[in-house]
C-alpha atoms as a PDB file:
ATOM      1  CA  UNK A   1      11.540  -3.472  13.366  1.00  0.00           C
ATOM      2  CA  UNK A   2       8.995  -0.905  12.091  1.00  0.00           C
ATOM      3  CA  UNK A   3      10.134   2.422  10.680  1.00  0.00           C
ATOM      4  CA  UNK A   4       9.052   5.787  12.037  1.00  0.00           C
ATOM      5  CA  UNK A   5       6.852   7.163   9.266  1.00  0.00           C
ATOM      6  CA  UNK A   6       5.694  10.290  11.103  1.00  0.00           C
ATOM      7  CA  UNK A   7       8.350  12.474   9.416  1.00  0.00           C
ATOM      8  CA  UNK A   8       7.248  11.080   6.045  1.00  0.00           C
ATOM      9  CA  UNK A   9       3.619  11.964   6.790  1.00  0.00           C
ATOM     10  CA  UNK A  10       4.663  15.436   7.937  1.00  0.00           C
ATOM     11  CA  UNK A  11       6.417  15.834   4.587  1.00  0.00           C
ATOM     12  CA  UNK A  12       3.140  14.906   2.869  1.00  0.00           C
ATOM     13  CA  UNK A  13       1.362  17.625   4.845  1.00  0.00           C
ATOM     14  CA  UNK A  14       4.039  20.080   3.708  1.00  0.00           C
ATOM     15  CA  UNK A  15       3.202  19.190   0.107  1.00  0.00           C
ATOM     16  CA  UNK A  16       6.695  17.964  -0.740  1.00  0.00           C
ATOM     17  CA  UNK A  17       5.551  15.108  -2.989  1.00  0.00           C
ATOM     18  CA  UNK A  18       8.890  14.354  -4.645  1.00  0.00           C
ATOM     19  CA  UNK A  19      10.670  14.186  -1.288  1.00  0.00           C
ATOM     20  CA  UNK A  20       8.003  11.867   0.134  1.00  0.00           C
ATOM     21  CA  UNK A  21       8.220   9.569  -2.869  1.00  0.00           C
ATOM     22  CA  UNK A  22      11.996   9.292  -2.458  1.00  0.00           C
ATOM     23  CA  UNK A  23      11.653   8.601   1.284  1.00  0.00           C
ATOM     24  CA  UNK A  24       8.943   5.969   1.013  1.00  0.00           C
ATOM     25  CA  UNK A  25      10.435   4.007  -1.893  1.00  0.00           C
ATOM     26  CA  UNK A  26      13.129   2.629   0.418  1.00  0.00           C
ATOM     27  CA  UNK A  27      10.489   0.665   2.386  1.00  0.00           C
ATOM     28  CA  UNK A  28       8.199  -2.209   1.435  1.00  0.00           C
ATOM     29  CA  UNK A  29       6.248  -3.033   4.594  1.00  0.00           C
ATOM     30  CA  UNK A  30       2.429  -2.730   4.464  1.00  0.00           C
ATOM     31  CA  UNK A  31       2.305   0.750   6.017  1.00  0.00           C
ATOM     32  CA  UNK A  32       4.937   2.066   3.593  1.00  0.00           C
ATOM     33  CA  UNK A  33       2.988   0.581   0.693  1.00  0.00           C
ATOM     34  CA  UNK A  34      -0.204   2.210   1.960  1.00  0.00           C
ATOM     35  CA  UNK A  35       1.562   5.569   2.216  1.00  0.00           C
ATOM     36  CA  UNK A  36       2.904   5.050  -1.310  1.00  0.00           C
ATOM     37  CA  UNK A  37      -0.652   4.260  -2.476  1.00  0.00           C
ATOM     38  CA  UNK A  38      -1.908   7.439  -0.809  1.00  0.00           C
ATOM     39  CA  UNK A  39       0.608   9.483  -2.800  1.00  0.00           C
ATOM     40  CA  UNK A  40      -0.545   8.012  -6.100  1.00  0.00           C
ATOM     41  CA  UNK A  41      -4.192   8.425  -5.099  1.00  0.00           C
ATOM     42  CA  UNK A  42      -3.524  12.075  -4.274  1.00  0.00           C
ATOM     43  CA  UNK A  43      -1.914  12.528  -7.695  1.00  0.00           C
ATOM     44  CA  UNK A  44      -4.943  10.962  -9.397  1.00  0.00           C
ATOM     45  CA  UNK A  45      -2.992   7.889 -10.538  1.00  0.00           C
ATOM     46  CA  UNK A  46      -5.604   5.420  -9.294  1.00  0.00           C
ATOM     47  CA  UNK A  47      -4.249   2.414 -11.181  1.00  0.00           C
ATOM     48  CA  UNK A  48      -0.864   2.821  -9.514  1.00  0.00           C
ATOM     49  CA  UNK A  49      -2.577   3.525  -6.183  1.00  0.00           C
ATOM     50  CA  UNK A  50      -4.494   0.242  -6.507  1.00  0.00           C
ATOM     51  CA  UNK A  51      -1.197  -1.580  -7.120  1.00  0.00           C
ATOM     52  CA  UNK A  52       0.307  -0.139  -3.928  1.00  0.00           C
ATOM     53  CA  UNK A  53      -2.836  -0.784  -1.871  1.00  0.00           C
ATOM     54  CA  UNK A  54      -2.665  -4.410  -3.032  1.00  0.00           C
ATOM     55  CA  UNK A  55       0.954  -4.526  -1.874  1.00  0.00           C
ATOM     56  CA  UNK A  56      -0.326  -3.222   1.473  1.00  0.00           C
ATOM     57  CA  UNK A  57      -2.686  -6.242   1.467  1.00  0.00           C
ATOM     58  CA  UNK A  58      -5.877  -4.210   1.099  1.00  0.00           C
ATOM     59  CA  UNK A  59      -8.130  -2.687  -1.507  1.00  0.00           C
ATOM     60  CA  UNK A  60      -8.346   1.053  -2.022  1.00  0.00           C
ATOM     61  CA  UNK A  61     -10.400   2.628   0.770  1.00  0.00           C
ATOM     62  CA  UNK A  62     -13.488   4.658   0.012  1.00  0.00           C
ATOM     63  CA  UNK A  63     -12.601   7.335   2.527  1.00  0.00           C
ATOM     64  CA  UNK A  64     -11.609  10.932   1.830  1.00  0.00           C
ATOM     65  CA  UNK A  65      -7.979  11.876   1.387  1.00  0.00           C
ATOM     66  CA  UNK A  66      -8.077  13.731   4.719  1.00  0.00           C
ATOM     67  CA  UNK A  67      -9.519  10.677   6.475  1.00  0.00           C
ATOM     68  CA  UNK A  68      -6.910   8.431   4.845  1.00  0.00           C
ATOM     69  CA  UNK A  69      -4.108  10.730   6.002  1.00  0.00           C
ATOM     70  CA  UNK A  70      -5.558  10.709   9.541  1.00  0.00           C
ATOM     71  CA  UNK A  71      -5.653   6.905   9.402  1.00  0.00           C
ATOM     72  CA  UNK A  72      -2.021   6.801   8.230  1.00  0.00           C
ATOM     73  CA  UNK A  73      -1.005   9.046  11.140  1.00  0.00           C
ATOM     74  CA  UNK A  74      -2.809   6.757  13.599  1.00  0.00           C
ATOM     75  CA  UNK A  75      -1.095   3.703  12.131  1.00  0.00           C
ATOM     76  CA  UNK A  76       2.300   5.429  12.208  1.00  0.00           C
ATOM     77  CA  UNK A  77       1.760   6.378  15.865  1.00  0.00           C
ATOM     78  CA  UNK A  78       1.016   2.739  16.692  1.00  0.00           C
ATOM     79  CA  UNK A  79       4.142   1.510  14.872  1.00  0.00           C
ATOM     80  CA  UNK A  80       6.411   4.299  16.067  1.00  0.00           C
ATOM     81  CA  UNK A  81       9.812   3.473  17.484  1.00  0.00           C
ATOM     82  CA  UNK A  82      10.199   4.977  20.952  1.00  0.00           C
END
């Protein structure tokens, strides 16, 4: 059953990086790995970001950080538990 990652993404928007990292580390599904990759990309740790994108079964996107966050929100909405 997919997790509800909207609160995690809201925590990203709030700039609470340490809290987000703690929240997302408990999950290993592709969306969680992509969110984890986003965090490392945002921090400029591109090697670690590439590792997490690979775990999400994709290569690092060439989009902007804002576009990537929008994409993550759309994916989280699709996977949301209602």
